[in-house]
C-alpha atoms as a PDB file:
ATOM      1  CA  UNK A   1       0.000   0.000   0.000  1.00  0.00           C
ATOM      2  CA  UNK A   2       2.958   2.302   0.278  1.00  0.00           C
ATOM      3  CA  UNK A   3       2.749   3.104  -3.437  1.00  0.00           C
ATOM      4  CA  UNK A   4      -0.636   4.838  -3.219  1.00  0.00           C
ATOM      5  CA  UNK A   5      -0.031   8.587  -3.515  1.00  0.00           C
ATOM      6  CA  UNK A   6      -3.008   9.782  -1.475  1.00  0.00           C
ATOM      7  CA  UNK A   7      -2.217   7.496   1.469  1.00  0.00           C
ATOM      8  CA  UNK A   8       1.387   8.643   1.431  1.00  0.00           C
ATOM      9  CA  UNK A   9       0.364  12.309   1.179  1.00  0.00           C
ATOM     10  CA  UNK A  10      -1.996  12.068   4.161  1.00  0.00           C
ATOM     11  CA  UNK A  11       0.710  10.404   6.269  1.00  0.00           C
ATOM     12  CA  UNK A  12       3.396  12.843   5.083  1.00  0.00           C
ATOM     13  CA  UNK A  13       1.153  15.767   6.034  1.00  0.00           C
ATOM     14  CA  UNK A  14       0.842  14.397   9.556  1.00  0.00           C
ATOM     15  CA  UNK A  15      -2.911  13.884   9.321  1.00  0.00           C
ATOM     16  CA  UNK A  16      -2.749  10.275  10.557  1.00  0.00           C
ATOM     17  CA  UNK A  17      -1.709   9.612  14.172  1.00  0.00           C
ATOM     18  CA  UNK A  18       1.230   7.253  14.735  1.00  0.00           C
ATOM     19  CA  UNK A  19      -1.053   4.914  16.718  1.00  0.00           C
ATOM     20  CA  UNK A  20      -3.314   4.480  13.686  1.00  0.00           C
ATOM     21  CA  UNK A  21      -0.331   3.530  11.524  1.00  0.00           C
ATOM     22  CA  UNK A  22       0.784   1.022  14.155  1.00  0.00           C
ATOM     23  CA  UNK A  23      -2.720  -0.485  14.218  1.00  0.00           C
ATOM     24  CA  UNK A  24      -2.759  -0.722  10.419  1.00  0.00           C
ATOM     25  CA  UNK A  25       0.614  -2.488  10.531  1.00  0.00           C
ATOM     26  CA  UNK A  26      -0.810  -5.025  13.018  1.00  0.00           C
ATOM     27  CA  UNK A  27      -3.477  -5.822  10.429  1.00  0.00           C
ATOM     28  CA  UNK A  28      -0.891  -6.271   7.675  1.00  0.00           C
ATOM     29  CA  UNK A  29      -1.217  -2.868   6.013  1.00  0.00           C
ATOM     30  CA  UNK A  30       2.250  -1.365   6.053  1.00  0.00           C
ATOM     31  CA  UNK A  31       2.594   2.303   5.176  1.00  0.00           C
ATOM     32  CA  UNK A  32       6.214   3.330   4.723  1.00  0.00           C
ATOM     33  CA  UNK A  33       5.632   7.054   4.282  1.00  0.00           C
ATOM     34  CA  UNK A  34       6.693   9.298   7.164  1.00  0.00           C
ATOM     35  CA  UNK A  35       5.829  12.802   8.327  1.00  0.00           C
ATOM     36  CA  UNK A  36       7.486  15.574   6.294  1.00  0.00           C
ATOM     37  CA  UNK A  37       8.428  18.503   8.539  1.00  0.00           C
ATOM     38  CA  UNK A  38       8.320  20.973   5.629  1.00  0.00           C
ATOM     39  CA  UNK A  39       4.530  20.492   5.430  1.00  0.00           C
ATOM     40  CA  UNK A  40       4.000  22.870   8.330  1.00  0.00           C
ATOM     41  CA  UNK A  41       1.398  25.272   6.941  1.00  0.00           C
ATOM     42  CA  UNK A  42      -2.177  24.640   5.820  1.00  0.00           C
ATOM     43  CA  UNK A  43      -1.247  25.912   2.348  1.00  0.00           C
ATOM     44  CA  UNK A  44       1.675  23.474   2.054  1.00  0.00           C
ATOM     45  CA  UNK A  45      -0.507  20.567   3.245  1.00  0.00           C
ATOM     46  CA  UNK A  46      -3.312  21.502   0.834  1.00  0.00           C
ATOM     47  CA  UNK A  47      -0.881  21.753  -2.098  1.00  0.00           C
ATOM     48  CA  UNK A  48       0.706  18.408  -1.201  1.00  0.00           C
ATOM     49  CA  UNK A  49      -2.697  16.703  -1.006  1.00  0.00           C
ATOM     50  CA  UNK A  50      -3.821  18.277  -4.304  1.00  0.00           C
ATOM     51  CA  UNK A  51      -0.706  16.986  -6.070  1.00  0.00           C
ATOM     52  CA  UNK A  52      -1.380  13.477  -4.740  1.00  0.00           C
ATOM     53  CA  UNK A  53      -5.028  13.606  -5.810  1.00  0.00           C
ATOM     54  CA  UNK A  54      -4.074  14.712  -9.307  1.00  0.00           C
ATOM     55  CA  UNK A  55      -1.309  12.128  -9.752  1.00  0.00           C
ATOM     56  CA  UNK A  56      -1.602   9.530 -12.521  1.00  0.00           C
ATOM     57  CA  UNK A  57      -2.147   6.713 -10.010  1.00  0.00           C
ATOM     58  CA  UNK A  58      -5.221   8.447  -8.622  1.00  0.00           C
ATOM     59  CA  UNK A  59      -6.666   9.666 -11.924  1.00  0.00           C
ATOM     60  CA  UNK A  60      -6.293   6.499 -13.983  1.00  0.00           C
ATOM     61  CA  UNK A  61      -9.328   4.240 -14.149  1.00  0.00           C
ATOM     62  CA  UNK A  62      -8.719   0.834 -15.664  1.00  0.00           C
ATOM     63  CA  UNK A  63     -11.491  -0.128 -18.069  1.00  0.00           C
ATOM     64  CA  UNK A  64     -12.597  -3.747 -18.360  1.00  0.00           C
ATOM     65  CA  UNK A  65     -14.926  -4.960 -21.092  1.00  0.00           C
ATOM     66  CA  UNK A  66     -15.764  -8.670 -21.067  1.00  0.00           C
ATOM     67  CA  UNK A  67     -17.973  -8.298 -24.156  1.00  0.00           C
ATOM     68  CA  UNK A  68     -14.951  -7.014 -26.035  1.00  0.00           C
ATOM     69  CA  UNK A  69     -12.945 -10.133 -25.182  1.00  0.00           C
ATOM     70  CA  UNK A  70     -15.787 -12.400 -26.322  1.00  0.00           C
ATOM     71  CA  UNK A  71     -16.199 -10.395 -29.515  1.00  0.00           C
ATOM     72  CA  UNK A  72     -12.463 -10.536 -30.272  1.00  0.00           C
ATOM     73  CA  UNK A  73     -12.318 -14.304 -29.687  1.00  0.00           C
ATOM     74  CA  UNK A  74     -15.323 -14.943 -31.968  1.00  0.00           C
ATOM     75  CA  UNK A  75     -13.906 -15.910 -35.402  1.00  0.00           C
ATOM     76  CA  UNK A  76     -16.732 -14.139 -37.268  1.00  0.00           C
ATOM     77  CA  UNK A  77     -15.676 -10.792 -35.741  1.00  0.00           C
ATOM     78  CA  UNK A  78     -11.917 -11.208 -36.020  1.00  0.00           C
ATOM     79  CA  UNK A  79     -10.260  -9.389 -38.904  1.00  0.00           C
ATOM     80  CA  UNK A  80      -6.722  -9.404 -40.246  1.00  0.00           C
ATOM     81  CA  UNK A  81      -4.724  -6.323 -41.074  1.00  0.00           C
ATOM     82  CA  UNK A  82      -1.372  -4.600 -40.884  1.00  0.00           C
ATOM     83  CA  UNK A  83      -0.551  -2.008 -38.303  1.00  0.00           C
ATOM     84  CA  UNK A  84       1.797   0.654 -39.609  1.00  0.00           C
ATOM     85  CA  UNK A  85       3.445   2.528 -36.774  1.00  0.00           C
ATOM     86  CA  UNK A  86       5.236   5.719 -37.759  1.00  0.00           C
ATOM     87  CA  UNK A  87       6.941   8.065 -35.397  1.00  0.00           C
ATOM     88  CA  UNK A  88       9.382  10.506 -36.943  1.00  0.00           C
ATOM     89  CA  UNK A  89      11.984   8.494 -38.820  1.00  0.00           C
ATOM     90  CA  UNK A  90      10.842   5.218 -37.186  1.00  0.00           C
ATOM     91  CA  UNK A  91       8.608   2.976 -39.299  1.00  0.00           C
ATOM     92  CA  UNK A  92       7.341  -0.471 -38.274  1.00  0.00           C
ATOM     93  CA  UNK A  93       4.761  -2.749 -39.883  1.00  0.00           C
ATOM     94  CA  UNK A  94       3.249  -5.824 -38.259  1.00  0.00           C
ATOM     95  CA  UNK A  95       0.459  -8.220 -39.165  1.00  0.00           C
ATOM     96  CA  UNK A  96      -2.258  -8.543 -36.534  1.00  0.00           C
ATOM     97  CA  UNK A  97      -5.753  -9.686 -35.708  1.00  0.00           C
ATOM     98  CA  UNK A  98      -8.253  -7.099 -34.501  1.00  0.00           C
ATOM     99  CA  UNK A  99     -11.987  -6.656 -34.208  1.00  0.00           C
ATOM    100  CA  UNK A 100     -14.493  -3.873 -34.593  1.00  0.00           C
ATOM    101  CA  UNK A 101     -16.474  -3.028 -31.487  1.00  0.00           C
ATOM    102  CA  UNK A 102     -20.230  -2.574 -31.581  1.00  0.00           C
ATOM    103  CA  UNK A 103     -19.550   1.204 -31.570  1.00  0.00           C
ATOM    104  CA  UNK A 104     -17.287   1.028 -34.641  1.00  0.00           C
ATOM    105  CA  UNK A 105     -14.007   1.340 -32.778  1.00  0.00           C
ATOM    106  CA  UNK A 106     -11.007  -0.870 -33.506  1.00  0.00           C
ATOM    107  CA  UNK A 107      -9.815  -3.236 -30.762  1.00  0.00           C
ATOM    108  CA  UNK A 108      -6.177  -4.171 -31.179  1.00  0.00           C
ATOM    109  CA  UNK A 109      -4.447  -6.605 -28.796  1.00  0.00           C
ATOM    110  CA  UNK A 110      -1.982  -4.753 -26.578  1.00  0.00           C
ATOM    111  CA  UNK A 111       1.637  -5.655 -27.227  1.00  0.00           C
ATOM    112  CA  UNK A 112       3.849  -2.650 -26.598  1.00  0.00           C
ATOM    113  CA  UNK A 113       4.019   0.048 -23.925  1.00  0.00           C
ATOM    114  CA  UNK A 114       4.525   2.774 -26.541  1.00  0.00           C
ATOM    115  CA  UNK A 115       1.724   1.700 -28.878  1.00  0.00           C
ATOM    116  CA  UNK A 116      -1.213   3.658 -27.360  1.00  0.00           C
ATOM    117  CA  UNK A 117       0.359   7.098 -27.716  1.00  0.00           C
ATOM    118  CA  UNK A 118       1.804   6.457 -31.160  1.00  0.00           C
ATOM    119  CA  UNK A 119      -1.457   5.167 -32.670  1.00  0.00           C
ATOM    120  CA  UNK A 120      -3.143   8.569 -32.512  1.00  0.00           C
ATOM    121  CA  UNK A 121      -0.221  10.614 -33.836  1.00  0.00           C
ATOM    122  CA  UNK A 122      -1.757  11.152 -37.299  1.00  0.00           C
ATOM    123  CA  UNK A 123       0.900   9.072 -39.054  1.00  0.00           C
ATOM    124  CA  UNK A 124       0.331   5.568 -37.673  1.00  0.00           C
ATOM    125  CA  UNK A 125      -2.604   3.644 -39.102  1.00  0.00           C
ATOM    126  CA  UNK A 126      -4.271   0.299 -39.687  1.00  0.00           C
ATOM    127  CA  UNK A 127      -4.406  -1.113 -43.199  1.00  0.00           C
ATOM    128  CA  UNK A 128      -7.081  -3.728 -43.928  1.00  0.00           C
ATOM    129  CA  UNK A 129      -9.800  -4.794 -46.331  1.00  0.00           C
ATOM    130  CA  UNK A 130      -9.523  -3.170 -49.737  1.00  0.00           C
ATOM    131  CA  UNK A 131      -6.308  -1.477 -48.632  1.00  0.00           C
ATOM    132  CA  UNK A 132      -8.208   0.967 -46.448  1.00  0.00           C
ATOM    133  CA  UNK A 133      -5.979   3.140 -44.290  1.00  0.00           C
ATOM    134  CA  UNK A 134      -7.659   3.783 -40.945  1.00  0.00           C
ATOM    135  CA  UNK A 135      -6.166   6.577 -38.846  1.00  0.00           C
ATOM    136  CA  UNK A 136      -7.113   7.079 -35.216  1.00  0.00           C
ATOM    137  CA  UNK A 137      -8.085  10.180 -33.277  1.00  0.00           C
ATOM    138  CA  UNK A 138      -8.108   8.655 -29.777  1.00  0.00           C
ATOM    139  CA  UNK A 139      -7.014   5.501 -27.996  1.00  0.00           C
ATOM    140  CA  UNK A 140      -7.809   3.957 -24.647  1.00  0.00           C
ATOM    141  CA  UNK A 141      -6.496   0.878 -22.900  1.00  0.00           C
ATOM    142  CA  UNK A 142      -8.755  -1.972 -21.798  1.00  0.00           C
ATOM    143  CA  UNK A 143      -7.652  -4.206 -18.936  1.00  0.00           C
ATOM    144  CA  UNK A 144      -8.577  -7.686 -17.746  1.00  0.00           C
ATOM    145  CA  UNK A 145      -7.695  -7.747 -14.089  1.00  0.00           C
ATOM    146  CA  UNK A 146      -4.474  -5.781 -13.814  1.00  0.00           C
ATOM    147  CA  UNK A 147      -3.272  -6.784 -17.305  1.00  0.00           C
ATOM    148  CA  UNK A 148      -3.583  -4.578 -20.349  1.00  0.00           C
ATOM    149  CA  UNK A 149      -5.332  -6.605 -23.012  1.00  0.00           C
ATOM    150  CA  UNK A 150      -6.453  -4.242 -25.776  1.00  0.00           C
ATOM    151  CA  UNK A 151      -5.992  -0.797 -27.157  1.00  0.00           C
ATOM    152  CA  UNK A 152      -9.357   0.443 -28.403  1.00  0.00           C
ATOM    153  CA  UNK A 153      -8.967   3.070 -31.114  1.00  0.00           C
ATOM    154  CA  UNK A 154     -11.499   5.617 -32.310  1.00  0.00           C
ATOM    155  CA  UNK A 155     -11.174   6.142 -36.058  1.00  0.00           C
ATOM    156  CA  UNK A 156     -10.491   9.654 -37.304  1.00  0.00           C
ATOM    157  CA  UNK A 157     -13.482  11.172 -39.069  1.00  0.00           C
ATOM    158  CA  UNK A 158     -11.324  11.827 -42.127  1.00  0.00           C
ATOM    159  CA  UNK A 159      -9.675   8.825 -43.743  1.00  0.00           C
ATOM    160  CA  UNK A 160      -6.454   9.335 -45.646  1.00  0.00           C
ATOM    161  CA  UNK A 161      -5.964   7.350 -48.831  1.00  0.00           C
END
């Protein structure tokens, strides 16, 4: 639990008594954060708490979609294409299976930590069917448990040919 920013911030601000931390430790919840003496004004404490609340760990919500997994695994929904990833001078092409969601988005199995950001850069695209080039305007990650499983991509309204 020591990696949770808001818990650490509350402890660092001195808002949790030492006895409460000791009791949590007895129950197996170990918080390693300690009081920060520089957080000695209400303004400093408020700023510290705001930063923790706005951190990526607090703002990220993992999306799970079991229907998407079933749809992807159904052979009648699975499609074949080539993903062309371009980023500056870098250019990579890979064959892949994907599916269209019921909302017309493209679900691509997650394989690379850099893929989500690069897919919506205006250069990367999916090539499939009658050599259609599908560019994406937005991407989001879909998880199953704590594992990333898919990147769901919203097609750009304007297709490049």
